[in-house]
Amino acid sequence: MAVGAQAGRATLYCDPVHPTLNTLSADWIKTVKRTSPFAHINWTAGCETQVVTLDMLIRDYGVPDFCKIDVEGFELQVLNGLSTPLPALSVEYLPSAIDEALRCIERLQALGSYEFNLSARETMHLKWKQWQPAPKICSELRALPVSARAGDIYARLLSTEDAHEAGYNAGAAE
């Protein structure tokens, strides 16, 4: 089963040699195939899989305290299947496909007032002690060289009072 913007079925592209790089995004494959870390990956149409949304999972299991979204270029589609903000989450970023990460930040800001932090190479060590507004994270991500390693964008929802005090508002992504 996979998670996406709407329920249904989709093709899961796989490389048996690198099973952690499975994806539902043919567009992401085209984008990253041009970069050296992915040039040798041989994705094939692996199988049809059922797709559900985050909203469906929340309906069935409740709101998670934290949600890690690491779906190889399908992060925005997962977020598009969410209609209410989550308290905390992370999405993967890949410098050779940074526009996907920027769109994820934009989507999160449309859902609620979030503040952000970065962690390079899945170390789970945050870059800053203070959480940052969306424009700062967007600027940092745009400045990454294509050859930089992947990492995670962490987001945490601000309370209405904290968002007002910090001057954040939904939709304020750069």
C-alpha atoms as a PDB file:
ATOM      1  CA  MET A   1       0.000   0.000   0.000  1.00  0.00           C
ATOM      2  CA  ALA A   2       1.191   3.524  -0.772  1.00  0.00           C
ATOM      3  CA  VAL A   3       0.102   7.026   0.236  1.00  0.00           C
ATOM      4  CA  GLY A   4      -0.773   9.740  -2.270  1.00  0.00           C
ATOM      5  CA  ALA A   5      -3.075  12.621  -3.131  1.00  0.00           C
ATOM      6  CA  GLN A   6      -6.099  10.438  -3.795  1.00  0.00           C
ATOM      7  CA  ALA A   7      -7.171   6.862  -3.247  1.00  0.00           C
ATOM      8  CA  GLY A   8      -6.814   4.437  -6.111  1.00  0.00           C
ATOM      9  CA  ARG A   9      -4.068   2.381  -7.709  1.00  0.00           C
ATOM     10  CA  ALA A  10      -0.631   3.328  -9.033  1.00  0.00           C
ATOM     11  CA  THR A  11       2.509   1.772 -10.453  1.00  0.00           C
ATOM     12  CA  LEU A  12       5.371   1.368  -7.997  1.00  0.00           C
ATOM     13  CA  TYR A  13       8.711   1.646  -9.816  1.00  0.00           C
ATOM     14  CA  CYS A  14      11.416  -0.531  -8.308  1.00  0.00           C
ATOM     15  CA  ASP A  15      15.087  -1.358  -8.608  1.00  0.00           C
ATOM     16  CA  PRO A  16      15.691  -4.777  -7.017  1.00  0.00           C
ATOM     17  CA  VAL A  17      19.319  -3.867  -6.311  1.00  0.00           C
ATOM     18  CA  HIS A  18      18.330  -0.654  -4.443  1.00  0.00           C
ATOM     19  CA  PRO A  19      14.964  -1.405  -2.781  1.00  0.00           C
ATOM     20  CA  THR A  20      14.994   1.793  -0.696  1.00  0.00           C
ATOM     21  CA  LEU A  21      14.599   3.845  -3.897  1.00  0.00           C
ATOM     22  CA  ASN A  22      11.130   2.611  -4.868  1.00  0.00           C
ATOM     23  CA  THR A  23       8.860   5.421  -6.050  1.00  0.00           C
ATOM     24  CA  LEU A  24       5.474   6.179  -7.541  1.00  0.00           C
ATOM     25  CA  SER A  25       6.878   9.200  -9.407  1.00  0.00           C
ATOM     26  CA  ALA A  26       8.000   8.660 -12.995  1.00  0.00           C
ATOM     27  CA  ASP A  27       8.735  12.411 -13.199  1.00  0.00           C
ATOM     28  CA  TRP A  28      11.078  12.205 -10.201  1.00  0.00           C
ATOM     29  CA  ILE A  29      12.925   9.311 -11.853  1.00  0.00           C
ATOM     30  CA  LYS A  30      13.470  11.439 -14.991  1.00  0.00           C
ATOM     31  CA  THR A  31      14.758  14.347 -12.873  1.00  0.00           C
ATOM     32  CA  VAL A  32      17.209  12.433 -10.675  1.00  0.00           C
ATOM     33  CA  LYS A  33      18.398   9.994 -13.360  1.00  0.00           C
ATOM     34  CA  ARG A  34      20.492  12.876 -14.744  1.00  0.00           C
ATOM     35  CA  THR A  35      22.603  13.076 -11.560  1.00  0.00           C
ATOM     36  CA  SER A  36      25.505  10.798 -10.719  1.00  0.00           C
ATOM     37  CA  PRO A  37      24.089   9.196  -7.558  1.00  0.00           C
ATOM     38  CA  PHE A  38      21.099   7.936  -9.536  1.00  0.00           C
ATOM     39  CA  ALA A  39      22.494   7.414 -13.039  1.00  0.00           C
ATOM     40  CA  HIS A  40      23.098   3.706 -12.361  1.00  0.00           C
ATOM     41  CA  ILE A  41      19.677   2.994 -10.847  1.00  0.00           C
ATOM     42  CA  ASN A  42      17.519   0.792 -13.070  1.00  0.00           C
ATOM     43  CA  TRP A  43      13.887   1.435 -12.164  1.00  0.00           C
ATOM     44  CA  THR A  44      11.400  -0.913 -13.721  1.00  0.00           C
ATOM     45  CA  ALA A  45       7.629  -0.907 -13.457  1.00  0.00           C
ATOM     46  CA  GLY A  46       7.507  -3.174 -10.448  1.00  0.00           C
ATOM     47  CA  CYS A  47       3.880  -3.625  -9.554  1.00  0.00           C
ATOM     48  CA  GLU A  48       0.468  -2.063  -9.163  1.00  0.00           C
ATOM     49  CA  THR A  49      -0.283  -0.996  -5.609  1.00  0.00           C
ATOM     50  CA  GLN A  50      -3.227   0.396  -3.709  1.00  0.00           C
ATOM     51  CA  VAL A  51      -2.990   4.102  -2.821  1.00  0.00           C
ATOM     52  CA  VAL A  52      -4.626   5.708   0.215  1.00  0.00           C
ATOM     53  CA  THR A  53      -4.428   9.275   1.533  1.00  0.00           C
ATOM     54  CA  LEU A  54      -3.095  10.653   4.801  1.00  0.00           C
ATOM     55  CA  ASP A  55      -6.641  11.811   5.532  1.00  0.00           C
ATOM     56  CA  MET A  56      -7.829   8.198   5.212  1.00  0.00           C
ATOM     57  CA  LEU A  57      -5.072   6.959   7.521  1.00  0.00           C
ATOM     58  CA  ILE A  58      -5.899   9.665  10.069  1.00  0.00           C
ATOM     59  CA  ARG A  59      -9.581   8.704   9.901  1.00  0.00           C
ATOM     60  CA  ASP A  60      -8.677   5.070  10.593  1.00  0.00           C
ATOM     61  CA  TYR A  61      -5.808   5.459  13.075  1.00  0.00           C
ATOM     62  CA  GLY A  62      -5.942   9.004  14.457  1.00  0.00           C
ATOM     63  CA  VAL A  63      -3.648  12.020  14.119  1.00  0.00           C
ATOM     64  CA  PRO A  64       0.017  11.057  14.525  1.00  0.00           C
ATOM     65  CA  ASP A  65       2.288  13.098  16.785  1.00  0.00           C
ATOM     66  CA  PHE A  66       4.962  12.904  14.078  1.00  0.00           C
ATOM     67  CA  CYS A  67       4.875  11.745  10.457  1.00  0.00           C
ATOM     68  CA  LYS A  68       8.050  10.971   8.445  1.00  0.00           C
ATOM     69  CA  ILE A  69       7.438  11.254   4.711  1.00  0.00           C
ATOM     70  CA  ASP A  70      10.302   9.761   2.706  1.00  0.00           C
ATOM     71  CA  VAL A  71       8.780   8.505  -0.537  1.00  0.00           C
ATOM     72  CA  GLU A  72      11.356   9.277  -3.226  1.00  0.00           C
ATOM     73  CA  GLY A  73       9.879  12.269  -4.988  1.00  0.00           C
ATOM     74  CA  PHE A  74       6.238  11.649  -4.098  1.00  0.00           C
ATOM     75  CA  GLU A  75       6.234  13.804  -0.946  1.00  0.00           C
ATOM     76  CA  LEU A  76       4.056  16.553  -2.404  1.00  0.00           C
ATOM     77  CA  GLN A  77       1.465  14.024  -3.535  1.00  0.00           C
ATOM     78  CA  VAL A  78       1.360  12.607  -0.010  1.00  0.00           C
ATOM     79  CA  LEU A  79       0.867  16.106   1.426  1.00  0.00           C
ATOM     80  CA  ASN A  80      -1.849  16.817  -1.145  1.00  0.00           C
ATOM     81  CA  GLY A  81      -3.821  13.956   0.439  1.00  0.00           C
ATOM     82  CA  LEU A  82      -3.841  15.837   3.741  1.00  0.00           C
ATOM     83  CA  SER A  83      -6.483  18.433   4.564  1.00  0.00           C
ATOM     84  CA  THR A  84      -5.527  19.382   8.126  1.00  0.00           C
ATOM     85  CA  PRO A  85      -2.121  20.277   9.567  1.00  0.00           C
ATOM     86  CA  LEU A  86      -0.151  17.666  11.502  1.00  0.00           C
ATOM     87  CA  PRO A  87       1.641  18.638  14.722  1.00  0.00           C
ATOM     88  CA  ALA A  88       5.081  17.638  13.409  1.00  0.00           C
ATOM     89  CA  LEU A  89       6.499  15.954  10.335  1.00  0.00           C
ATOM     90  CA  SER A  90       9.481  15.602   8.074  1.00  0.00           C
ATOM     91  CA  VAL A  91       9.878  15.353   4.318  1.00  0.00           C
ATOM     92  CA  GLU A  92      12.979  14.318   2.464  1.00  0.00           C
ATOM     93  CA  TYR A  93      14.789  16.770   0.186  1.00  0.00           C
ATOM     94  CA  LEU A  94      17.098  15.926  -2.665  1.00  0.00           C
ATOM     95  CA  PRO A  95      19.243  18.750  -4.098  1.00  0.00           C
ATOM     96  CA  SER A  96      18.848  17.491  -7.679  1.00  0.00           C
ATOM     97  CA  ALA A  97      15.056  17.742  -7.258  1.00  0.00           C
ATOM     98  CA  ILE A  98      14.848  20.713  -4.890  1.00  0.00           C
ATOM     99  CA  ASP A  99      11.697  22.147  -6.490  1.00  0.00           C
ATOM    100  CA  GLU A 100       9.748  19.221  -5.024  1.00  0.00           C
ATOM    101  CA  ALA A 101      10.926  20.163  -1.519  1.00  0.00           C
ATOM    102  CA  LEU A 102      10.034  23.817  -2.068  1.00  0.00           C
ATOM    103  CA  ARG A 103       6.532  22.830  -3.164  1.00  0.00           C
ATOM    104  CA  CYS A 104       6.206  20.718  -0.009  1.00  0.00           C
ATOM    105  CA  ILE A 105       7.030  23.739   2.152  1.00  0.00           C
ATOM    106  CA  GLU A 106       4.470  25.779   0.239  1.00  0.00           C
ATOM    107  CA  ARG A 107       1.848  23.065   0.788  1.00  0.00           C
ATOM    108  CA  LEU A 108       2.578  22.898   4.511  1.00  0.00           C
ATOM    109  CA  GLN A 109       2.221  26.659   4.805  1.00  0.00           C
ATOM    110  CA  ALA A 110      -1.157  26.402   3.083  1.00  0.00           C
ATOM    111  CA  LEU A 111      -2.236  23.890   5.742  1.00  0.00           C
ATOM    112  CA  GLY A 112      -1.070  25.895   8.771  1.00  0.00           C
ATOM    113  CA  SER A 113       1.615  28.013  10.408  1.00  0.00           C
ATOM    114  CA  TYR A 114       4.762  25.921  10.539  1.00  0.00           C
ATOM    115  CA  GLU A 115       8.338  26.593  11.499  1.00  0.00           C
ATOM    116  CA  PHE A 116      11.150  24.542  10.038  1.00  0.00           C
ATOM    117  CA  ASN A 117      14.597  23.067  10.491  1.00  0.00           C
ATOM    118  CA  LEU A 118      16.935  20.971   8.354  1.00  0.00           C
ATOM    119  CA  SER A 119      18.900  17.808   8.934  1.00  0.00           C
ATOM    120  CA  ALA A 120      21.514  16.757   6.394  1.00  0.00           C
ATOM    121  CA  ARG A 121      21.943  13.125   5.379  1.00  0.00           C
ATOM    122  CA  GLU A 122      19.282  11.715   7.714  1.00  0.00           C
ATOM    123  CA  THR A 123      21.473  12.402  10.751  1.00  0.00           C
ATOM    124  CA  MET A 124      18.464  13.682  12.725  1.00  0.00           C
ATOM    125  CA  HIS A 125      20.714  16.487  14.008  1.00  0.00           C
ATOM    126  CA  LEU A 126      19.009  19.803  13.425  1.00  0.00           C
ATOM    127  CA  LYS A 127      20.968  22.551  11.683  1.00  0.00           C
ATOM    128  CA  TRP A 128      19.743  25.366  13.973  1.00  0.00           C
ATOM    129  CA  LYS A 129      18.851  25.593  17.655  1.00  0.00           C
ATOM    130  CA  GLN A 130      16.088  28.033  16.727  1.00  0.00           C
ATOM    131  CA  TRP A 131      13.404  26.897  14.301  1.00  0.00           C
ATOM    132  CA  GLN A 132      13.168  28.970  11.126  1.00  0.00           C
ATOM    133  CA  PRO A 133      10.383  30.500   9.014  1.00  0.00           C
ATOM    134  CA  ALA A 134       9.643  29.091   5.560  1.00  0.00           C
ATOM    135  CA  PRO A 135      11.517  31.805   3.588  1.00  0.00           C
ATOM    136  CA  LYS A 136      14.778  31.001   5.431  1.00  0.00           C
ATOM    137  CA  ILE A 137      14.449  27.277   4.698  1.00  0.00           C
ATOM    138  CA  CYS A 138      13.584  27.936   1.063  1.00  0.00           C
ATOM    139  CA  SER A 139      16.643  30.139   0.707  1.00  0.00           C
ATOM    140  CA  GLU A 140      18.895  27.497   2.275  1.00  0.00           C
ATOM    141  CA  LEU A 141      17.543  24.772   0.017  1.00  0.00           C
ATOM    142  CA  ARG A 142      17.909  26.873  -3.143  1.00  0.00           C
ATOM    143  CA  ALA A 143      21.558  27.531  -2.232  1.00  0.00           C
ATOM    144  CA  LEU A 144      22.463  23.829  -2.068  1.00  0.00           C
ATOM    145  CA  PRO A 145      24.663  22.573  -4.889  1.00  0.00           C
ATOM    146  CA  VAL A 146      23.137  19.754  -6.935  1.00  0.00           C
ATOM    147  CA  SER A 147      25.951  17.521  -5.668  1.00  0.00           C
ATOM    148  CA  ALA A 148      24.978  18.018  -1.997  1.00  0.00           C
ATOM    149  CA  ARG A 149      23.634  15.049  -0.068  1.00  0.00           C
ATOM    150  CA  ALA A 150      19.943  14.534   0.588  1.00  0.00           C
ATOM    151  CA  GLY A 151      18.403  15.353   3.943  1.00  0.00           C
ATOM    152  CA  ASP A 152      15.198  16.044   5.767  1.00  0.00           C
ATOM    153  CA  ILE A 153      13.074  19.130   6.306  1.00  0.00           C
ATOM    154  CA  TYR A 154      11.475  19.071   9.734  1.00  0.00           C
ATOM    155  CA  ALA A 155       8.296  21.058  10.319  1.00  0.00           C
ATOM    156  CA  ARG A 156       6.391  21.734  13.492  1.00  0.00           C
ATOM    157  CA  LEU A 157       3.045  23.415  13.760  1.00  0.00           C
ATOM    158  CA  LEU A 158       2.907  26.608  15.748  1.00  0.00           C
ATOM    159  CA  SER A 159       0.003  27.315  18.063  1.00  0.00           C
ATOM    160  CA  THR A 160      -2.215  30.170  16.884  1.00  0.00           C
ATOM    161  CA  GLU A 161      -0.776  32.375  19.634  1.00  0.00           C
ATOM    162  CA  ASP A 162       2.849  31.500  18.776  1.00  0.00           C
ATOM    163  CA  ALA A 163       2.215  32.010  15.050  1.00  0.00           C
ATOM    164  CA  HIS A 164       0.732  35.447  15.677  1.00  0.00           C
ATOM    165  CA  GLU A 165       3.589  36.402  18.000  1.00  0.00           C
ATOM    166  CA  ALA A 166       6.205  35.255  15.485  1.00  0.00           C
ATOM    167  CA  GLY A 167       4.460  37.043  12.627  1.00  0.00           C
ATOM    168  CA  TYR A 168       3.933  33.815  10.666  1.00  0.00           C
ATOM    169  CA  ASN A 169       0.869  33.234   8.609  1.00  0.00           C
ATOM    170  CA  ALA A 170      -0.339  30.422   6.408  1.00  0.00           C
ATOM    171  CA  GLY A 171       0.775  30.871   2.829  1.00  0.00           C
ATOM    172  CA  ALA A 172       3.924  32.813   3.752  1.00  0.00           C
ATOM    173  CA  ALA A 173       6.351  30.484   1.994  1.00  0.00           C
ATOM    174  CA  GLU A 174       8.769  32.268  -0.305  1.00  0.00           C
END
